[in-house]
Amino acid sequence: WQPLGGKRRAVFGLLSDKDLDGVVAHLAPVIEEWAVAPLPTSRSRPAEELQAALQNLGARVTSYQSIALALEAQCAHATPDDEILLFGSFYCVAEALEWLARYTDEDAANGFAG
């Protein structure tokens, strides 16, 4: 990992058949702020389970009702020097892309250029 001027933040959702402990054990030491959420599928791990696993490793973590809300929170708290990592599942990425497209469309409608 490259050193940052700010914090490394995560937005994370995971399917129930994936190795939660294996994923978080390697990433918890390098991520300062976690935002976890369930994925929009019946195969999702509950956010409370993700939160508990991370808290057991001493991580700072907050759970949200959706990936979109987790992204909103991380963006609201981030500084220009922070890095936000989104990972865990293609469901997580798909919801993030939908969220991003809404903002891109709103910016275009309001005359903002990216």
PDB file of N, CA and C in Angstrom:
ATOM      1  N   TRP A   1       0.836  -1.184   0.000  1.00  0.00           N
ATOM      2  CA  TRP A   1       0.000   0.000   0.000  1.00  0.00           C
ATOM      3  C   TRP A   1       0.873   1.236   0.000  1.00  0.00           C
ATOM      4  N   GLN A   2       0.454   2.204  -0.767  1.00  0.00           N
ATOM      5  CA  GLN A   2       1.158   3.477  -0.782  1.00  0.00           C
ATOM      6  C   GLN A   2       0.700   4.321   0.400  1.00  0.00           C
ATOM      7  N   PRO A   3       1.619   5.080   0.985  1.00  0.00           N
ATOM      8  CA  PRO A   3       1.197   5.969   2.064  1.00  0.00           C
ATOM      9  C   PRO A   3       0.261   7.054   1.533  1.00  0.00           C
ATOM     10  N   LEU A   4      -0.672   7.443   2.364  1.00  0.00           N
ATOM     11  CA  LEU A   4      -1.645   8.473   1.999  1.00  0.00           C
ATOM     12  C   LEU A   4      -1.448   9.702   2.868  1.00  0.00           C
ATOM     13  N   GLY A   5      -1.906  10.839   2.346  1.00  0.00           N
ATOM     14  CA  GLY A   5      -1.944  12.036   3.158  1.00  0.00           C
ATOM     15  C   GLY A   5      -3.148  12.025   4.078  1.00  0.00           C
ATOM     16  N   GLY A   6      -4.177  11.264   3.685  1.00  0.00           N
ATOM     17  CA  GLY A   6      -5.410  11.185   4.459  1.00  0.00           C
ATOM     18  C   GLY A   6      -5.676   9.770   4.931  1.00  0.00           C
ATOM     19  N   LYS A   7      -6.956   9.457   5.060  1.00  0.00           N
ATOM     20  CA  LYS A   7      -7.376   8.138   5.530  1.00  0.00           C
ATOM     21  C   LYS A   7      -7.722   7.225   4.357  1.00  0.00           C
ATOM     22  N   ARG A   8      -7.567   5.948   4.597  1.00  0.00           N
ATOM     23  CA  ARG A   8      -8.060   4.947   3.659  1.00  0.00           C
ATOM     24  C   ARG A   8      -9.398   4.458   4.228  1.00  0.00           C
ATOM     25  N   ARG A   9     -10.453   4.651   3.446  1.00  0.00           N
ATOM     26  CA  ARG A   9     -11.807   4.300   3.856  1.00  0.00           C
ATOM     27  C   ARG A   9     -12.305   3.149   2.993  1.00  0.00           C
ATOM     28  N   ALA A  10     -13.223   2.355   3.528  1.00  0.00           N
ATOM     29  CA  ALA A  10     -13.766   1.229   2.766  1.00  0.00           C
ATOM     30  C   ALA A  10     -15.280   1.248   2.776  1.00  0.00           C
ATOM     31  N   VAL A  11     -15.842   0.815   1.659  1.00  0.00           N
ATOM     32  CA  VAL A  11     -17.262   0.489   1.543  1.00  0.00           C
ATOM     33  C   VAL A  11     -17.274  -0.983   1.161  1.00  0.00           C
ATOM     34  N   PHE A  12     -17.968  -1.800   1.958  1.00  0.00           N
ATOM     35  CA  PHE A  12     -17.800  -3.244   1.869  1.00  0.00           C
ATOM     36  C   PHE A  12     -19.118  -3.977   2.060  1.00  0.00           C
ATOM     37  N   GLY A  13     -19.390  -4.905   1.159  1.00  0.00           N
ATOM     38  CA  GLY A  13     -20.507  -5.832   1.274  1.00  0.00           C
ATOM     39  C   GLY A  13     -20.021  -7.178   0.774  1.00  0.00           C
ATOM     40  N   LEU A  14     -20.546  -8.268   1.323  1.00  0.00           N
ATOM     41  CA  LEU A  14     -20.027  -9.590   0.985  1.00  0.00           C
ATOM     42  C   LEU A  14     -21.145 -10.619   0.937  1.00  0.00           C
ATOM     43  N   LEU A  15     -21.010 -11.561   0.026  1.00  0.00           N
ATOM     44  CA  LEU A  15     -21.957 -12.671  -0.054  1.00  0.00           C
ATOM     45  C   LEU A  15     -21.676 -13.666   1.066  1.00  0.00           C
ATOM     46  N   SER A  16     -22.708 -14.390   1.476  1.00  0.00           N
ATOM     47  CA  SER A  16     -22.589 -15.295   2.620  1.00  0.00           C
ATOM     48  C   SER A  16     -21.672 -16.484   2.369  1.00  0.00           C
ATOM     49  N   ASP A  17     -21.435 -16.834   1.109  1.00  0.00           N
ATOM     50  CA  ASP A  17     -20.577 -17.992   0.831  1.00  0.00           C
ATOM     51  C   ASP A  17     -19.099 -17.625   0.680  1.00  0.00           C
ATOM     52  N   LYS A  18     -18.751 -16.381   0.933  1.00  0.00           N
ATOM     53  CA  LYS A  18     -17.360 -15.930   0.814  1.00  0.00           C
ATOM     54  C   LYS A  18     -16.671 -15.930   2.176  1.00  0.00           C
ATOM     55  N   ASP A  19     -15.344 -15.961   2.160  1.00  0.00           N
ATOM     56  CA  ASP A  19     -14.518 -16.062   3.361  1.00  0.00           C
ATOM     57  C   ASP A  19     -14.369 -14.700   4.049  1.00  0.00           C
ATOM     58  N   LEU A  20     -15.301 -14.375   4.903  1.00  0.00           N
ATOM     59  CA  LEU A  20     -15.293 -13.084   5.589  1.00  0.00           C
ATOM     60  C   LEU A  20     -14.012 -12.883   6.389  1.00  0.00           C
ATOM     61  N   ASP A  21     -13.665 -13.849   7.216  1.00  0.00           N
ATOM     62  CA  ASP A  21     -12.477 -13.695   8.059  1.00  0.00           C
ATOM     63  C   ASP A  21     -11.216 -13.534   7.221  1.00  0.00           C
ATOM     64  N   GLY A  22     -11.122 -14.279   6.127  1.00  0.00           N
ATOM     65  CA  GLY A  22      -9.959 -14.182   5.254  1.00  0.00           C
ATOM     66  C   GLY A  22      -9.829 -12.825   4.592  1.00  0.00           C
ATOM     67  N   VAL A  23     -10.948 -12.238   4.233  1.00  0.00           N
ATOM     68  CA  VAL A  23     -10.926 -10.917   3.586  1.00  0.00           C
ATOM     69  C   VAL A  23     -10.562  -9.829   4.590  1.00  0.00           C
ATOM     70  N   VAL A  24     -11.259  -9.791   5.698  1.00  0.00           N
ATOM     71  CA  VAL A  24     -11.058  -8.671   6.627  1.00  0.00           C
ATOM     72  C   VAL A  24      -9.748  -8.760   7.399  1.00  0.00           C
ATOM     73  N   ALA A  25      -9.237  -9.955   7.624  1.00  0.00           N
ATOM     74  CA  ALA A  25      -7.982 -10.086   8.366  1.00  0.00           C
ATOM     75  C   ALA A  25      -6.838  -9.385   7.647  1.00  0.00           C
ATOM     76  N   HIS A  26      -6.826  -9.442   6.328  1.00  0.00           N
ATOM     77  CA  HIS A  26      -5.744  -8.829   5.560  1.00  0.00           C
ATOM     78  C   HIS A  26      -5.941  -7.329   5.355  1.00  0.00           C
ATOM     79  N   LEU A  27      -7.186  -6.878   5.344  1.00  0.00           N
ATOM     80  CA  LEU A  27      -7.449  -5.472   5.030  1.00  0.00           C
ATOM     81  C   LEU A  27      -7.675  -4.587   6.253  1.00  0.00           C
ATOM     82  N   ALA A  28      -8.111  -5.168   7.351  1.00  0.00           N
ATOM     83  CA  ALA A  28      -8.392  -4.361   8.546  1.00  0.00           C
ATOM     84  C   ALA A  28      -7.199  -3.504   8.985  1.00  0.00           C
ATOM     85  N   PRO A  29      -5.973  -4.009   8.912  1.00  0.00           N
ATOM     86  CA  PRO A  29      -4.845  -3.181   9.359  1.00  0.00           C
ATOM     87  C   PRO A  29      -4.549  -1.956   8.487  1.00  0.00           C
ATOM     88  N   VAL A  30      -5.025  -1.940   7.252  1.00  0.00           N
ATOM     89  CA  VAL A  30      -4.677  -0.828   6.354  1.00  0.00           C
ATOM     90  C   VAL A  30      -5.849   0.096   6.046  1.00  0.00           C
ATOM     91  N   ILE A  31      -7.015  -0.191   6.603  1.00  0.00           N
ATOM     92  CA  ILE A  31      -8.199   0.649   6.388  1.00  0.00           C
ATOM     93  C   ILE A  31      -8.590   1.273   7.719  1.00  0.00           C
ATOM     94  N   GLU A  32      -8.751   2.594   7.711  1.00  0.00           N
ATOM     95  CA  GLU A  32      -9.027   3.312   8.958  1.00  0.00           C
ATOM     96  C   GLU A  32     -10.506   3.457   9.276  1.00  0.00           C
ATOM     97  N   GLU A  33     -11.344   3.540   8.261  1.00  0.00           N
ATOM     98  CA  GLU A  33     -12.785   3.739   8.466  1.00  0.00           C
ATOM     99  C   GLU A  33     -13.548   2.792   7.545  1.00  0.00           C
ATOM    100  N   TRP A  34     -14.396   1.958   8.114  1.00  0.00           N
ATOM    101  CA  TRP A  34     -15.186   0.992   7.352  1.00  0.00           C
ATOM    102  C   TRP A  34     -16.655   1.395   7.344  1.00  0.00           C
ATOM    103  N   ALA A  35     -17.298   1.235   6.199  1.00  0.00           N
ATOM    104  CA  ALA A  35     -18.750   1.379   6.067  1.00  0.00           C
ATOM    105  C   ALA A  35     -19.234   0.084   5.421  1.00  0.00           C
ATOM    106  N   VAL A  36     -20.044  -0.672   6.138  1.00  0.00           N
ATOM    107  CA  VAL A  36     -20.512  -1.966   5.637  1.00  0.00           C
ATOM    108  C   VAL A  36     -22.011  -1.922   5.396  1.00  0.00           C
ATOM    109  N   ALA A  37     -22.457  -2.770   4.465  1.00  0.00           N
ATOM    110  CA  ALA A  37     -23.883  -2.796   4.125  1.00  0.00           C
ATOM    111  C   ALA A  37     -24.231  -4.144   3.518  1.00  0.00           C
ATOM    112  N   PRO A  38     -25.506  -4.525   3.625  1.00  0.00           N
ATOM    113  CA  PRO A  38     -25.942  -5.743   2.940  1.00  0.00           C
ATOM    114  C   PRO A  38     -26.017  -5.490   1.436  1.00  0.00           C
ATOM    115  N   LEU A  39     -25.941  -6.554   0.694  1.00  0.00           N
ATOM    116  CA  LEU A  39     -26.060  -6.475  -0.760  1.00  0.00           C
ATOM    117  C   LEU A  39     -27.498  -6.767  -1.170  1.00  0.00           C
ATOM    118  N   PRO A  40     -27.913  -6.291  -2.330  1.00  0.00           N
ATOM    119  CA  PRO A  40     -29.307  -6.487  -2.757  1.00  0.00           C
ATOM    120  C   PRO A  40     -29.552  -7.884  -3.337  1.00  0.00           C
ATOM    121  N   THR A  41     -29.312  -8.898  -2.506  1.00  0.00           N
ATOM    122  CA  THR A  41     -29.544 -10.288  -2.883  1.00  0.00           C
ATOM    123  C   THR A  41     -29.762 -11.109  -1.617  1.00  0.00           C
ATOM    124  N   SER A  42     -30.519 -12.174  -1.734  1.00  0.00           N
ATOM    125  CA  SER A  42     -30.765 -13.043  -0.579  1.00  0.00           C
ATOM    126  C   SER A  42     -29.489 -13.763  -0.139  1.00  0.00           C
ATOM    127  N   ARG A  43     -28.459 -13.746  -0.957  1.00  0.00           N
ATOM    128  CA  ARG A  43     -27.188 -14.402  -0.637  1.00  0.00           C
ATOM    129  C   ARG A  43     -26.248 -13.503   0.170  1.00  0.00           C
ATOM    130  N   SER A  44     -26.691 -12.314   0.507  1.00  0.00           N
ATOM    131  CA  SER A  44     -25.848 -11.342   1.203  1.00  0.00           C
ATOM    132  C   SER A  44     -25.613 -11.721   2.662  1.00  0.00           C
ATOM    133  N   ARG A  45     -24.433 -11.397   3.149  1.00  0.00           N
ATOM    134  CA  ARG A  45     -24.195 -11.459   4.593  1.00  0.00           C
ATOM    135  C   ARG A  45     -24.843 -10.224   5.214  1.00  0.00           C
ATOM    136  N   PRO A  46     -25.428 -10.360   6.377  1.00  0.00           N
ATOM    137  CA  PRO A  46     -25.999  -9.183   7.047  1.00  0.00           C
ATOM    138  C   PRO A  46     -24.896  -8.187   7.427  1.00  0.00           C
ATOM    139  N   ALA A  47     -25.219  -6.920   7.373  1.00  0.00           N
ATOM    140  CA  ALA A  47     -24.253  -5.881   7.743  1.00  0.00           C
ATOM    141  C   ALA A  47     -23.776  -6.060   9.180  1.00  0.00           C
ATOM    142  N   GLU A  48     -24.655  -6.516  10.054  1.00  0.00           N
ATOM    143  CA  GLU A  48     -24.285  -6.711  11.459  1.00  0.00           C
ATOM    144  C   GLU A  48     -23.177  -7.757  11.595  1.00  0.00           C
ATOM    145  N   GLU A  49     -23.208  -8.766  10.741  1.00  0.00           N
ATOM    146  CA  GLU A  49     -22.171  -9.799  10.771  1.00  0.00           C
ATOM    147  C   GLU A  49     -20.827  -9.236  10.294  1.00  0.00           C
ATOM    148  N   LEU A  50     -20.874  -8.430   9.245  1.00  0.00           N
ATOM    149  CA  LEU A  50     -19.655  -7.783   8.759  1.00  0.00           C
ATOM    150  C   LEU A  50     -19.088  -6.862   9.834  1.00  0.00           C
ATOM    151  N   GLN A  51     -19.974  -6.082  10.444  1.00  0.00           N
ATOM    152  CA  GLN A  51     -19.557  -5.138  11.478  1.00  0.00           C
ATOM    153  C   GLN A  51     -18.917  -5.869  12.656  1.00  0.00           C
ATOM    154  N   ALA A  52     -19.523  -6.950  13.104  1.00  0.00           N
ATOM    155  CA  ALA A  52     -18.992  -7.698  14.247  1.00  0.00           C
ATOM    156  C   ALA A  52     -17.606  -8.269  13.944  1.00  0.00           C
ATOM    157  N   ALA A  53     -17.423  -8.823  12.756  1.00  0.00           N
ATOM    158  CA  ALA A  53     -16.121  -9.392  12.384  1.00  0.00           C
ATOM    159  C   ALA A  53     -15.036  -8.319  12.390  1.00  0.00           C
ATOM    160  N   LEU A  54     -15.368  -7.153  11.884  1.00  0.00           N
ATOM    161  CA  LEU A  54     -14.395  -6.059  11.847  1.00  0.00           C
ATOM    162  C   LEU A  54     -14.123  -5.494  13.240  1.00  0.00           C
ATOM    163  N   GLN A  55     -15.161  -5.366  14.043  1.00  0.00           N
ATOM    164  CA  GLN A  55     -14.970  -4.860  15.407  1.00  0.00           C
ATOM    165  C   GLN A  55     -14.099  -5.813  16.222  1.00  0.00           C
ATOM    166  N   ASN A  56     -14.222  -7.116  15.961  1.00  0.00           N
ATOM    167  CA  ASN A  56     -13.375  -8.092  16.649  1.00  0.00           C
ATOM    168  C   ASN A  56     -11.898  -7.890  16.330  1.00  0.00           C
ATOM    169  N   LEU A  57     -11.614  -7.255  15.200  1.00  0.00           N
ATOM    170  CA  LEU A  57     -10.236  -6.955  14.806  1.00  0.00           C
ATOM    171  C   LEU A  57      -9.822  -5.540  15.211  1.00  0.00           C
ATOM    172  N   GLY A  58     -10.702  -4.849  15.930  1.00  0.00           N
ATOM    173  CA  GLY A  58     -10.396  -3.503  16.399  1.00  0.00           C
ATOM    174  C   GLY A  58     -10.642  -2.403  15.387  1.00  0.00           C
ATOM    175  N   ALA A  59     -11.371  -2.709  14.317  1.00  0.00           N
ATOM    176  CA  ALA A  59     -11.622  -1.726  13.262  1.00  0.00           C
ATOM    177  C   ALA A  59     -12.725  -0.753  13.660  1.00  0.00           C
ATOM    178  N   ARG A  60     -12.646   0.454  13.108  1.00  0.00           N
ATOM    179  CA  ARG A  60     -13.723   1.443  13.249  1.00  0.00           C
ATOM    180  C   ARG A  60     -14.696   1.187  12.118  1.00  0.00           C
ATOM    181  N   VAL A  61     -15.926   0.832  12.458  1.00  0.00           N
ATOM    182  CA  VAL A  61     -16.879   0.406  11.429  1.00  0.00           C
ATOM    183  C   VAL A  61     -18.281   0.878  11.775  1.00  0.00           C
ATOM    184  N   THR A  62     -19.014   1.260  10.737  1.00  0.00           N
ATOM    185  CA  THR A  62     -20.417   1.642  10.854  1.00  0.00           C
ATOM    186  C   THR A  62     -21.186   0.856   9.811  1.00  0.00           C
ATOM    187  N   SER A  63     -22.369   0.372  10.181  1.00  0.00           N
ATOM    188  CA  SER A  63     -23.185  -0.356   9.204  1.00  0.00           C
ATOM    189  C   SER A  63     -24.294   0.548   8.668  1.00  0.00           C
ATOM    190  N   TYR A  64     -24.654   0.299   7.422  1.00  0.00           N
ATOM    191  CA  TYR A  64     -25.680   1.071   6.716  1.00  0.00           C
ATOM    192  C   TYR A  64     -26.665   0.108   6.075  1.00  0.00           C
ATOM    193  N   GLN A  65     -27.813   0.631   5.671  1.00  0.00           N
ATOM    194  CA  GLN A  65     -28.857  -0.203   5.081  1.00  0.00           C
ATOM    195  C   GLN A  65     -28.592  -0.544   3.625  1.00  0.00           C
ATOM    196  N   SER A  66     -27.682   0.175   2.969  1.00  0.00           N
ATOM    197  CA  SER A  66     -27.377  -0.102   1.562  1.00  0.00           C
ATOM    198  C   SER A  66     -25.973   0.381   1.230  1.00  0.00           C
ATOM    199  N   ILE A  67     -25.436  -0.138   0.141  1.00  0.00           N
ATOM    200  CA  ILE A  67     -24.136   0.312  -0.343  1.00  0.00           C
ATOM    201  C   ILE A  67     -24.204   1.800  -0.693  1.00  0.00           C
ATOM    202  N   ALA A  68     -25.307   2.229  -1.288  1.00  0.00           N
ATOM    203  CA  ALA A  68     -25.458   3.642  -1.652  1.00  0.00           C
ATOM    204  C   ALA A  68     -25.355   4.541  -0.419  1.00  0.00           C
ATOM    205  N   LEU A  69     -26.007   4.162   0.668  1.00  0.00           N
ATOM    206  CA  LEU A  69     -25.932   4.963   1.896  1.00  0.00           C
ATOM    207  C   LEU A  69     -24.526   4.933   2.493  1.00  0.00           C
ATOM    208  N   ALA A  70     -23.863   3.792   2.394  1.00  0.00           N
ATOM    209  CA  ALA A  70     -22.486   3.688   2.881  1.00  0.00           C
ATOM    210  C   ALA A  70     -21.565   4.599   2.071  1.00  0.00           C
ATOM    211  N   LEU A  71     -21.758   4.630   0.761  1.00  0.00           N
ATOM    212  CA  LEU A  71     -20.976   5.526  -0.096  1.00  0.00           C
ATOM    213  C   LEU A  71     -21.235   6.987   0.244  1.00  0.00           C
ATOM    214  N   GLU A  72     -22.503   7.317   0.436  1.00  0.00           N
ATOM    215  CA  GLU A  72     -22.862   8.694   0.813  1.00  0.00           C
ATOM    216  C   GLU A  72     -22.115   9.108   2.076  1.00  0.00           C
ATOM    217  N   ALA A  73     -22.121   8.240   3.064  1.00  0.00           N
ATOM    218  CA  ALA A  73     -21.479   8.556   4.337  1.00  0.00           C
ATOM    219  C   ALA A  73     -19.971   8.703   4.181  1.00  0.00           C
ATOM    220  N   GLN A  74     -19.351   7.775   3.472  1.00  0.00           N
ATOM    221  CA  GLN A  74     -17.899   7.858   3.305  1.00  0.00           C
ATOM    222  C   GLN A  74     -17.503   9.112   2.527  1.00  0.00           C
ATOM    223  N   CYS A  75     -18.254   9.435   1.496  1.00  0.00           N
ATOM    224  CA  CYS A  75     -17.960  10.653   0.721  1.00  0.00           C
ATOM    225  C   CYS A  75     -18.164  11.908   1.566  1.00  0.00           C
ATOM    226  N   ALA A  76     -19.195  11.900   2.397  1.00  0.00           N
ATOM    227  CA  ALA A  76     -19.478  13.063   3.242  1.00  0.00           C
ATOM    228  C   ALA A  76     -18.366  13.308   4.261  1.00  0.00           C
ATOM    229  N   HIS A  77     -17.738  12.236   4.737  1.00  0.00           N
ATOM    230  CA  HIS A  77     -16.696  12.368   5.753  1.00  0.00           C
ATOM    231  C   HIS A  77     -15.287  12.454   5.174  1.00  0.00           C
ATOM    232  N   ALA A  78     -15.133  12.157   3.912  1.00  0.00           N
ATOM    233  CA  ALA A  78     -13.806  12.119   3.291  1.00  0.00           C
ATOM    234  C   ALA A  78     -13.252  13.518   3.050  1.00  0.00           C
ATOM    235  N   THR A  79     -11.952  13.611   3.142  1.00  0.00           N
ATOM    236  CA  THR A  79     -11.237  14.825   2.756  1.00  0.00           C
ATOM    237  C   THR A  79     -10.637  14.587   1.369  1.00  0.00           C
ATOM    238  N   PRO A  80     -10.143  15.630   0.714  1.00  0.00           N
ATOM    239  CA  PRO A  80      -9.530  15.429  -0.608  1.00  0.00           C
ATOM    240  C   PRO A  80      -8.341  14.465  -0.602  1.00  0.00           C
ATOM    241  N   ASP A  81      -7.691  14.295   0.542  1.00  0.00           N
ATOM    242  CA  ASP A  81      -6.543  13.391   0.634  1.00  0.00           C
ATOM    243  C   ASP A  81      -6.923  11.951   0.954  1.00  0.00           C
ATOM    244  N   ASP A  82      -8.183  11.696   1.255  1.00  0.00           N
ATOM    245  CA  ASP A  82      -8.630  10.345   1.589  1.00  0.00           C
ATOM    246  C   ASP A  82      -8.806   9.491   0.339  1.00  0.00           C
ATOM    247  N   GLU A  83      -8.778   8.197   0.556  1.00  0.00           N
ATOM    248  CA  GLU A  83      -9.012   7.213  -0.504  1.00  0.00           C
ATOM    249  C   GLU A  83     -10.193   6.353  -0.064  1.00  0.00           C
ATOM    250  N   ILE A  84     -11.146   6.127  -0.966  1.00  0.00           N
ATOM    251  CA  ILE A  84     -12.296   5.275  -0.663  1.00  0.00           C
ATOM    252  C   ILE A  84     -12.208   4.034  -1.534  1.00  0.00           C
ATOM    253  N   LEU A  85     -12.124   2.883  -0.894  1.00  0.00           N
ATOM    254  CA  LEU A  85     -12.080   1.597  -1.584  1.00  0.00           C
ATOM    255  C   LEU A  85     -13.453   0.955  -1.493  1.00  0.00           C
ATOM    256  N   LEU A  86     -13.934   0.440  -2.599  1.00  0.00           N
ATOM    257  CA  LEU A  86     -15.217  -0.253  -2.636  1.00  0.00           C
ATOM    258  C   LEU A  86     -14.933  -1.667  -3.107  1.00  0.00           C
ATOM    259  N   PHE A  87     -15.356  -2.658  -2.335  1.00  0.00           N
ATOM    260  CA  PHE A  87     -15.049  -4.034  -2.711  1.00  0.00           C
ATOM    261  C   PHE A  87     -15.953  -5.024  -1.997  1.00  0.00           C
ATOM    262  N   GLY A  88     -15.831  -6.292  -2.394  1.00  0.00           N
ATOM    263  CA  GLY A  88     -16.538  -7.371  -1.729  1.00  0.00           C
ATOM    264  C   GLY A  88     -17.339  -8.245  -2.662  1.00  0.00           C
ATOM    265  N   SER A  89     -17.936  -7.644  -3.691  1.00  0.00           N
ATOM    266  CA  SER A  89     -18.810  -8.408  -4.577  1.00  0.00           C
ATOM    267  C   SER A  89     -19.153  -7.575  -5.804  1.00  0.00           C
ATOM    268  N   PHE A  90     -19.494  -8.270  -6.873  1.00  0.00           N
ATOM    269  CA  PHE A  90     -19.986  -7.556  -8.051  1.00  0.00           C
ATOM    270  C   PHE A  90     -21.301  -6.842  -7.736  1.00  0.00           C
ATOM    271  N   TYR A  91     -22.088  -7.369  -6.802  1.00  0.00           N
ATOM    272  CA  TYR A  91     -23.315  -6.682  -6.381  1.00  0.00           C
ATOM    273  C   TYR A  91     -22.967  -5.319  -5.776  1.00  0.00           C
ATOM    274  N   CYS A  92     -21.906  -5.287  -5.023  1.00  0.00           N
ATOM    275  CA  CYS A  92     -21.438  -4.046  -4.401  1.00  0.00           C
ATOM    276  C   CYS A  92     -21.046  -3.037  -5.480  1.00  0.00           C
ATOM    277  N   VAL A  93     -20.293  -3.499  -6.453  1.00  0.00           N
ATOM    278  CA  VAL A  93     -19.843  -2.631  -7.542  1.00  0.00           C
ATOM    279  C   VAL A  93     -21.028  -2.151  -8.375  1.00  0.00           C
ATOM    280  N   ALA A  94     -21.971  -3.043  -8.657  1.00  0.00           N
ATOM    281  CA  ALA A  94     -23.142  -2.662  -9.464  1.00  0.00           C
ATOM    282  C   ALA A  94     -23.944  -1.560  -8.773  1.00  0.00           C
ATOM    283  N   GLU A  95     -24.165  -1.702  -7.466  1.00  0.00           N
ATOM    284  CA  GLU A  95     -24.915  -0.669  -6.742  1.00  0.00           C
ATOM    285  C   GLU A  95     -24.137   0.648  -6.722  1.00  0.00           C
ATOM    286  N   ALA A  96     -22.825   0.563  -6.597  1.00  0.00           N
ATOM    287  CA  ALA A  96     -22.002   1.774  -6.609  1.00  0.00           C
ATOM    288  C   ALA A  96     -22.043   2.461  -7.970  1.00  0.00           C
ATOM    289  N   LEU A  97     -22.034   1.693  -9.042  1.00  0.00           N
ATOM    290  CA  LEU A  97     -22.112   2.283 -10.380  1.00  0.00           C
ATOM    291  C   LEU A  97     -23.452   2.977 -10.605  1.00  0.00           C
ATOM    292  N   GLU A  98     -24.532   2.383 -10.098  1.00  0.00           N
ATOM    293  CA  GLU A  98     -25.852   3.031 -10.184  1.00  0.00           C
ATOM    294  C   GLU A  98     -25.842   4.341  -9.401  1.00  0.00           C
ATOM    295  N   TRP A  99     -25.266   4.315  -8.219  1.00  0.00           N
ATOM    296  CA  TRP A  99     -25.165   5.514  -7.385  1.00  0.00           C
ATOM    297  C   TRP A  99     -24.361   6.596  -8.103  1.00  0.00           C
ATOM    298  N   LEU A 100     -23.231   6.208  -8.664  1.00  0.00           N
ATOM    299  CA  LEU A 100     -22.380   7.157  -9.367  1.00  0.00           C
ATOM    300  C   LEU A 100     -23.077   7.735 -10.593  1.00  0.00           C
ATOM    301  N   ALA A 101     -23.809   6.915 -11.321  1.00  0.00           N
ATOM    302  CA  ALA A 101     -24.524   7.387 -12.511  1.00  0.00           C
ATOM    303  C   ALA A 101     -25.569   8.437 -12.139  1.00  0.00           C
ATOM    304  N   ARG A 102     -26.231   8.269 -11.003  1.00  0.00           N
ATOM    305  CA  ARG A 102     -27.210   9.270 -10.554  1.00  0.00           C
ATOM    306  C   ARG A 102     -26.535  10.617 -10.346  1.00  0.00           C
ATOM    307  N   TYR A 103     -25.368  10.612  -9.713  1.00  0.00           N
ATOM    308  CA  TYR A 103     -24.666  11.869  -9.471  1.00  0.00           C
ATOM    309  C   TYR A 103     -24.124  12.467 -10.753  1.00  0.00           C
ATOM    310  N   THR A 104     -23.654  11.636 -11.640  1.00  0.00           N
ATOM    311  CA  THR A 104     -23.165  12.126 -12.922  1.00  0.00           C
ATOM    312  C   THR A 104     -24.301  12.774 -13.697  1.00  0.00           C
ATOM    313  N   ASP A 105     -25.482  12.131 -13.713  1.00  0.00           N
ATOM    314  CA  ASP A 105     -26.649  12.690 -14.393  1.00  0.00           C
ATOM    315  C   ASP A 105     -27.087  14.002 -13.747  1.00  0.00           C
ATOM    316  N   GLU A 106     -27.093  14.049 -12.415  1.00  0.00           N
ATOM    317  CA  GLU A 106     -27.481  15.277 -11.709  1.00  0.00           C
ATOM    318  C   GLU A 106     -26.500  16.402 -12.009  1.00  0.00           C
ATOM    319  N   ASP A 107     -25.206  16.094 -12.001  1.00  0.00           N
ATOM    320  CA  ASP A 107     -24.198  17.115 -12.300  1.00  0.00           C
ATOM    321  C   ASP A 107     -24.372  17.645 -13.714  1.00  0.00           C
ATOM    322  N   ALA A 108     -24.627  16.756 -14.665  1.00  0.00           N
ATOM    323  CA  ALA A 108     -24.821  17.179 -16.056  1.00  0.00           C
ATOM    324  C   ALA A 108     -26.052  18.078 -16.170  1.00  0.00           C
ATOM    325  N   ALA A 109     -27.122  17.707 -15.471  1.00  0.00           N
ATOM    326  CA  ALA A 109     -28.353  18.498 -15.515  1.00  0.00           C
ATOM    327  C   ALA A 109     -28.151  19.875 -14.882  1.00  0.00           C
ATOM    328  N   ASN A 110     -27.250  19.948 -13.887  1.00  0.00           N
ATOM    329  CA  ASN A 110     -26.985  21.213 -13.202  1.00  0.00           C
ATOM    330  C   ASN A 110     -25.861  22.014 -13.847  1.00  0.00           C
ATOM    331  N   GLY A 111     -25.297  21.495 -14.933  1.00  0.00           N
ATOM    332  CA  GLY A 111     -24.268  22.227 -15.651  1.00  0.00           C
ATOM    333  C   GLY A 111     -22.858  22.058 -15.129  1.00  0.00           C
ATOM    334  N   PHE A 112     -22.641  21.062 -14.250  1.00  0.00           N
ATOM    335  CA  PHE A 112     -21.298  20.825 -13.730  1.00  0.00           C
ATOM    336  C   PHE A 112     -20.555  19.885 -14.656  1.00  0.00           C
ATOM    337  N   ALA A 113     -19.300  20.165 -14.883  1.00  0.00           N
ATOM    338  CA  ALA A 113     -18.457  19.280 -15.698  1.00  0.00           C
ATOM    339  C   ALA A 113     -17.544  18.490 -14.771  1.00  0.00           C
ATOM    340  N   GLY A 114     -17.347  17.208 -15.101  1.00  0.00           N
ATOM    341  CA  GLY A 114     -16.578  16.307 -14.273  1.00  0.00           C
ATOM    342  C   GLY A 114     -15.144  16.557 -14.257  1.00  0.00           C
TER     343      GLY A 114
END
